[in-house]
Amino acid sequence: MIEIVSTMETTIWTFSLNVPFATWAAIYDSEDVAKMHEAVGIKSIFRGISKDDPSKICAIQQAPIGVAQKIFEDNKEMIRSSGHVIESTVISAYSDH
């Protein structure tokens, strides 16, 4: 039997914003961020706003194990400048095994 080991993980980020969602989303969806994500293998699956609180966000990404969290750690000041309240971030990572 061949064992298949997943090298990908799905990361669910929840956090608060200190700017309107549209402002943050314009940055997250920008060509520069898309190029940065593509260069390291991050695929954005979903980003959306809480139905109950417009300052709360959920973003879901798939990437090689550890990559999304490393990009977050290495770019906190740039991420903060988008309106993302860093201290509110909750990260949950999942794999298929």
N, C-alpha and C. Protein backbone atom coordinates (compact mmCIF):
# COMPACT_ATOMS: atom_id res chain seq x y z
N MET A 1 0.84 -1.18 0.00
CA MET A 1 0.00 0.00 0.00
C MET A 1 0.89 1.25 0.00
N ILE A 2 0.53 2.21 -0.80
CA ILE A 2 1.27 3.47 -0.89
C ILE A 2 0.62 4.48 0.04
N GLU A 3 1.44 5.12 0.87
CA GLU A 3 0.93 6.15 1.76
C GLU A 3 1.08 7.50 1.07
N ILE A 4 -0.02 8.24 1.01
CA ILE A 4 0.00 9.57 0.41
C ILE A 4 0.00 10.59 1.54
N VAL A 5 1.01 11.43 1.55
CA VAL A 5 1.14 12.43 2.61
C VAL A 5 0.81 13.79 2.01
N SER A 6 -0.14 14.45 2.63
CA SER A 6 -0.53 15.78 2.17
C SER A 6 0.53 16.79 2.57
N THR A 7 0.89 17.63 1.64
CA THR A 7 1.81 18.71 1.96
C THR A 7 1.07 20.04 2.00
N MET A 8 -0.25 19.96 1.91
CA MET A 8 -1.08 21.16 1.91
C MET A 8 -1.90 21.23 3.19
N GLU A 9 -2.23 22.44 3.58
CA GLU A 9 -3.14 22.64 4.69
C GLU A 9 -4.12 23.75 4.34
N THR A 10 -5.25 23.71 5.00
CA THR A 10 -6.25 24.76 4.88
C THR A 10 -6.20 25.56 6.17
N THR A 11 -6.06 26.85 6.03
CA THR A 11 -5.97 27.73 7.20
C THR A 11 -7.18 28.65 7.22
N ILE A 12 -7.83 28.69 8.38
CA ILE A 12 -8.98 29.58 8.59
C ILE A 12 -8.53 30.67 9.54
N TRP A 13 -8.64 31.89 9.08
CA TRP A 13 -8.25 33.07 9.85
C TRP A 13 -9.52 33.81 10.24
N THR A 14 -9.65 34.17 11.50
CA THR A 14 -10.70 35.09 11.91
C THR A 14 -10.02 36.25 12.62
N PHE A 15 -10.53 37.44 12.37
CA PHE A 15 -9.91 38.63 12.94
C PHE A 15 -10.85 39.82 12.80
N SER A 16 -10.49 40.89 13.46
CA SER A 16 -11.27 42.13 13.40
C SER A 16 -10.57 43.14 12.50
N LEU A 17 -11.36 44.07 12.00
CA LEU A 17 -10.85 45.18 11.19
C LEU A 17 -11.08 46.49 11.91
N ASN A 18 -10.21 47.46 11.63
CA ASN A 18 -10.44 48.81 12.12
C ASN A 18 -10.70 49.77 10.95
N VAL A 19 -11.03 49.20 9.80
CA VAL A 19 -11.43 49.94 8.60
C VAL A 19 -12.65 49.23 8.01
N PRO A 20 -13.39 49.87 7.11
CA PRO A 20 -14.51 49.17 6.46
C PRO A 20 -14.02 47.94 5.68
N PHE A 21 -14.86 46.92 5.61
CA PHE A 21 -14.51 45.68 4.90
C PHE A 21 -14.04 45.98 3.47
N ALA A 22 -14.75 46.86 2.77
CA ALA A 22 -14.39 47.16 1.37
C ALA A 22 -12.97 47.69 1.25
N THR A 23 -12.54 48.47 2.23
CA THR A 23 -11.17 49.01 2.22
C THR A 23 -10.16 47.88 2.38
N TRP A 24 -10.40 47.01 3.37
CA TRP A 24 -9.49 45.88 3.59
C TRP A 24 -9.51 44.94 2.38
N ALA A 25 -10.69 44.62 1.86
CA ALA A 25 -10.82 43.67 0.76
C ALA A 25 -10.09 44.18 -0.50
N ALA A 26 -10.13 45.48 -0.73
CA ALA A 26 -9.43 46.04 -1.90
C ALA A 26 -7.93 45.77 -1.82
N ILE A 27 -7.39 45.82 -0.62
CA ILE A 27 -5.96 45.53 -0.43
C ILE A 27 -5.71 44.03 -0.56
N TYR A 28 -6.52 43.22 0.14
CA TYR A 28 -6.36 41.76 0.10
C TYR A 28 -6.49 41.23 -1.33
N ASP A 29 -7.39 41.81 -2.11
CA ASP A 29 -7.64 41.36 -3.48
C ASP A 29 -6.72 42.02 -4.51
N SER A 30 -5.80 42.87 -4.05
CA SER A 30 -4.95 43.62 -4.98
C SER A 30 -4.00 42.71 -5.74
N GLU A 31 -3.52 43.23 -6.85
CA GLU A 31 -2.57 42.48 -7.68
C GLU A 31 -1.28 42.18 -6.92
N ASP A 32 -0.81 43.12 -6.11
CA ASP A 32 0.42 42.90 -5.35
C ASP A 32 0.28 41.74 -4.37
N VAL A 33 -0.83 41.70 -3.64
CA VAL A 33 -1.05 40.60 -2.69
C VAL A 33 -1.25 39.29 -3.45
N ALA A 34 -1.98 39.33 -4.55
CA ALA A 34 -2.18 38.11 -5.36
C ALA A 34 -0.84 37.56 -5.84
N LYS A 35 0.06 38.42 -6.27
CA LYS A 35 1.38 37.98 -6.73
C LYS A 35 2.19 37.38 -5.58
N MET A 36 2.12 38.02 -4.39
CA MET A 36 2.84 37.50 -3.23
C MET A 36 2.30 36.11 -2.87
N HIS A 37 0.98 35.98 -2.83
CA HIS A 37 0.38 34.68 -2.52
C HIS A 37 0.76 33.62 -3.56
N GLU A 38 0.67 33.97 -4.82
CA GLU A 38 1.00 33.03 -5.89
C GLU A 38 2.46 32.57 -5.80
N ALA A 39 3.34 33.49 -5.47
CA ALA A 39 4.78 33.17 -5.42
C ALA A 39 5.11 32.11 -4.37
N VAL A 40 4.28 32.02 -3.33
CA VAL A 40 4.56 31.05 -2.25
C VAL A 40 3.54 29.92 -2.20
N GLY A 41 2.61 29.91 -3.16
CA GLY A 41 1.67 28.80 -3.26
C GLY A 41 0.42 28.93 -2.40
N ILE A 42 0.05 30.16 -2.03
CA ILE A 42 -1.17 30.37 -1.25
C ILE A 42 -2.35 30.59 -2.20
N LYS A 43 -3.41 29.83 -1.97
CA LYS A 43 -4.64 29.99 -2.74
C LYS A 43 -5.72 30.51 -1.80
N SER A 44 -6.27 31.66 -2.12
CA SER A 44 -7.36 32.22 -1.33
C SER A 44 -8.66 31.56 -1.76
N ILE A 45 -9.35 30.95 -0.80
CA ILE A 45 -10.59 30.25 -1.08
C ILE A 45 -11.80 31.12 -0.78
N PHE A 46 -11.73 31.87 0.29
CA PHE A 46 -12.87 32.68 0.73
C PHE A 46 -12.37 33.80 1.62
N ARG A 47 -13.02 34.95 1.54
CA ARG A 47 -12.86 36.00 2.53
C ARG A 47 -14.20 36.69 2.62
N GLY A 48 -14.68 36.86 3.85
CA GLY A 48 -16.00 37.44 4.01
C GLY A 48 -16.18 38.07 5.37
N ILE A 49 -17.30 38.71 5.50
CA ILE A 49 -17.63 39.51 6.66
C ILE A 49 -18.68 38.78 7.50
N SER A 50 -18.60 38.92 8.80
CA SER A 50 -19.58 38.31 9.69
C SER A 50 -20.96 38.92 9.44
N LYS A 51 -21.97 38.07 9.42
CA LYS A 51 -23.34 38.55 9.28
C LYS A 51 -23.79 39.32 10.51
N ASP A 52 -23.15 39.06 11.65
CA ASP A 52 -23.55 39.69 12.91
C ASP A 52 -22.72 40.92 13.29
N ASP A 53 -21.50 41.02 12.75
CA ASP A 53 -20.60 42.10 13.15
C ASP A 53 -19.71 42.47 11.96
N PRO A 54 -19.95 43.63 11.34
CA PRO A 54 -19.20 44.00 10.13
C PRO A 54 -17.71 44.25 10.35
N SER A 55 -17.25 44.22 11.60
CA SER A 55 -15.82 44.39 11.83
C SER A 55 -15.10 43.04 11.95
N LYS A 56 -15.84 41.94 11.89
CA LYS A 56 -15.24 40.61 12.03
C LYS A 56 -15.17 39.92 10.67
N ILE A 57 -13.98 39.36 10.40
CA ILE A 57 -13.68 38.79 9.09
C ILE A 57 -13.26 37.32 9.23
N CYS A 58 -13.58 36.55 8.20
CA CYS A 58 -13.08 35.19 8.07
C CYS A 58 -12.40 35.10 6.71
N ALA A 59 -11.19 34.55 6.69
CA ALA A 59 -10.48 34.30 5.43
C ALA A 59 -10.01 32.85 5.46
N ILE A 60 -10.16 32.17 4.34
CA ILE A 60 -9.75 30.77 4.24
C ILE A 60 -8.76 30.65 3.09
N GLN A 61 -7.63 30.02 3.39
CA GLN A 61 -6.57 29.85 2.39
C GLN A 61 -6.09 28.41 2.39
N GLN A 62 -5.58 27.96 1.25
CA GLN A 62 -4.86 26.69 1.17
C GLN A 62 -3.45 27.00 0.70
N ALA A 63 -2.49 26.27 1.31
CA ALA A 63 -1.08 26.50 0.99
C ALA A 63 -0.26 25.32 1.48
N PRO A 64 0.98 25.21 1.02
CA PRO A 64 1.86 24.20 1.61
C PRO A 64 1.93 24.41 3.12
N ILE A 65 2.09 23.33 3.85
CA ILE A 65 2.08 23.38 5.32
C ILE A 65 3.04 24.44 5.84
N GLY A 66 2.51 25.32 6.69
CA GLY A 66 3.30 26.35 7.36
C GLY A 66 3.49 27.64 6.58
N VAL A 67 3.20 27.64 5.29
CA VAL A 67 3.50 28.82 4.46
C VAL A 67 2.62 30.01 4.82
N ALA A 68 1.32 29.82 4.94
CA ALA A 68 0.42 30.95 5.20
C ALA A 68 0.78 31.61 6.54
N GLN A 69 1.05 30.80 7.54
CA GLN A 69 1.38 31.38 8.85
C GLN A 69 2.73 32.09 8.81
N LYS A 70 3.69 31.58 8.04
CA LYS A 70 4.99 32.24 7.92
C LYS A 70 4.84 33.60 7.23
N ILE A 71 4.06 33.65 6.17
CA ILE A 71 3.82 34.92 5.47
C ILE A 71 3.18 35.93 6.43
N PHE A 72 2.24 35.46 7.25
CA PHE A 72 1.60 36.32 8.25
C PHE A 72 2.65 36.85 9.23
N GLU A 73 3.47 35.96 9.77
CA GLU A 73 4.48 36.37 10.75
C GLU A 73 5.49 37.35 10.15
N ASP A 74 5.88 37.11 8.91
CA ASP A 74 6.90 37.93 8.26
C ASP A 74 6.38 39.28 7.76
N ASN A 75 5.06 39.44 7.69
CA ASN A 75 4.49 40.65 7.08
C ASN A 75 3.46 41.34 7.97
N LYS A 76 3.61 41.20 9.28
CA LYS A 76 2.59 41.74 10.20
C LYS A 76 2.37 43.24 10.04
N GLU A 77 3.41 44.00 9.84
CA GLU A 77 3.23 45.46 9.73
C GLU A 77 2.47 45.83 8.47
N MET A 78 2.77 45.17 7.36
CA MET A 78 2.02 45.42 6.12
C MET A 78 0.57 44.99 6.30
N ILE A 79 0.36 43.85 6.94
CA ILE A 79 -0.99 43.35 7.17
C ILE A 79 -1.75 44.31 8.10
N ARG A 80 -1.08 44.76 9.14
CA ARG A 80 -1.69 45.73 10.06
C ARG A 80 -2.13 46.99 9.32
N SER A 81 -1.30 47.45 8.36
CA SER A 81 -1.61 48.68 7.64
C SER A 81 -2.86 48.55 6.75
N SER A 82 -3.32 47.31 6.51
CA SER A 82 -4.53 47.10 5.72
C SER A 82 -5.79 47.29 6.55
N GLY A 83 -5.63 47.42 7.88
CA GLY A 83 -6.78 47.55 8.76
C GLY A 83 -7.04 46.30 9.58
N HIS A 84 -6.23 45.28 9.39
CA HIS A 84 -6.33 44.01 10.12
C HIS A 84 -5.80 44.24 11.54
N VAL A 85 -6.63 43.95 12.54
CA VAL A 85 -6.20 44.08 13.93
C VAL A 85 -5.46 42.79 14.29
N ILE A 86 -4.14 42.85 14.25
CA ILE A 86 -3.28 41.68 14.42
C ILE A 86 -3.60 40.93 15.71
N GLU A 87 -3.79 41.66 16.80
CA GLU A 87 -3.99 41.04 18.11
C GLU A 87 -5.29 40.26 18.20
N SER A 88 -6.22 40.48 17.28
CA SER A 88 -7.51 39.78 17.30
C SER A 88 -7.47 38.47 16.51
N THR A 89 -6.37 38.18 15.85
CA THR A 89 -6.28 37.05 14.92
C THR A 89 -6.34 35.70 15.63
N VAL A 90 -7.23 34.85 15.13
CA VAL A 90 -7.31 33.46 15.56
C VAL A 90 -7.04 32.61 14.32
N ILE A 91 -6.07 31.70 14.41
CA ILE A 91 -5.65 30.88 13.28
C ILE A 91 -5.97 29.42 13.58
N SER A 92 -6.66 28.78 12.65
CA SER A 92 -6.93 27.33 12.75
C SER A 92 -6.45 26.69 11.46
N ALA A 93 -5.60 25.68 11.58
CA ALA A 93 -5.04 25.00 10.40
C ALA A 93 -5.51 23.55 10.38
N TYR A 94 -5.83 23.07 9.18
CA TYR A 94 -6.36 21.71 9.00
C TYR A 94 -5.65 21.03 7.84
N SER A 95 -5.45 19.72 7.97
CA SER A 95 -4.91 18.93 6.86
C SER A 95 -5.88 17.78 6.60
N ASP A 96 -5.63 17.05 5.53
CA ASP A 96 -6.55 15.97 5.19
C ASP A 96 -6.11 14.62 5.74
N HIS A 97 -5.22 14.61 6.70
CA HIS A 97 -4.84 13.35 7.36
C HIS A 97 -4.51 13.56 8.80
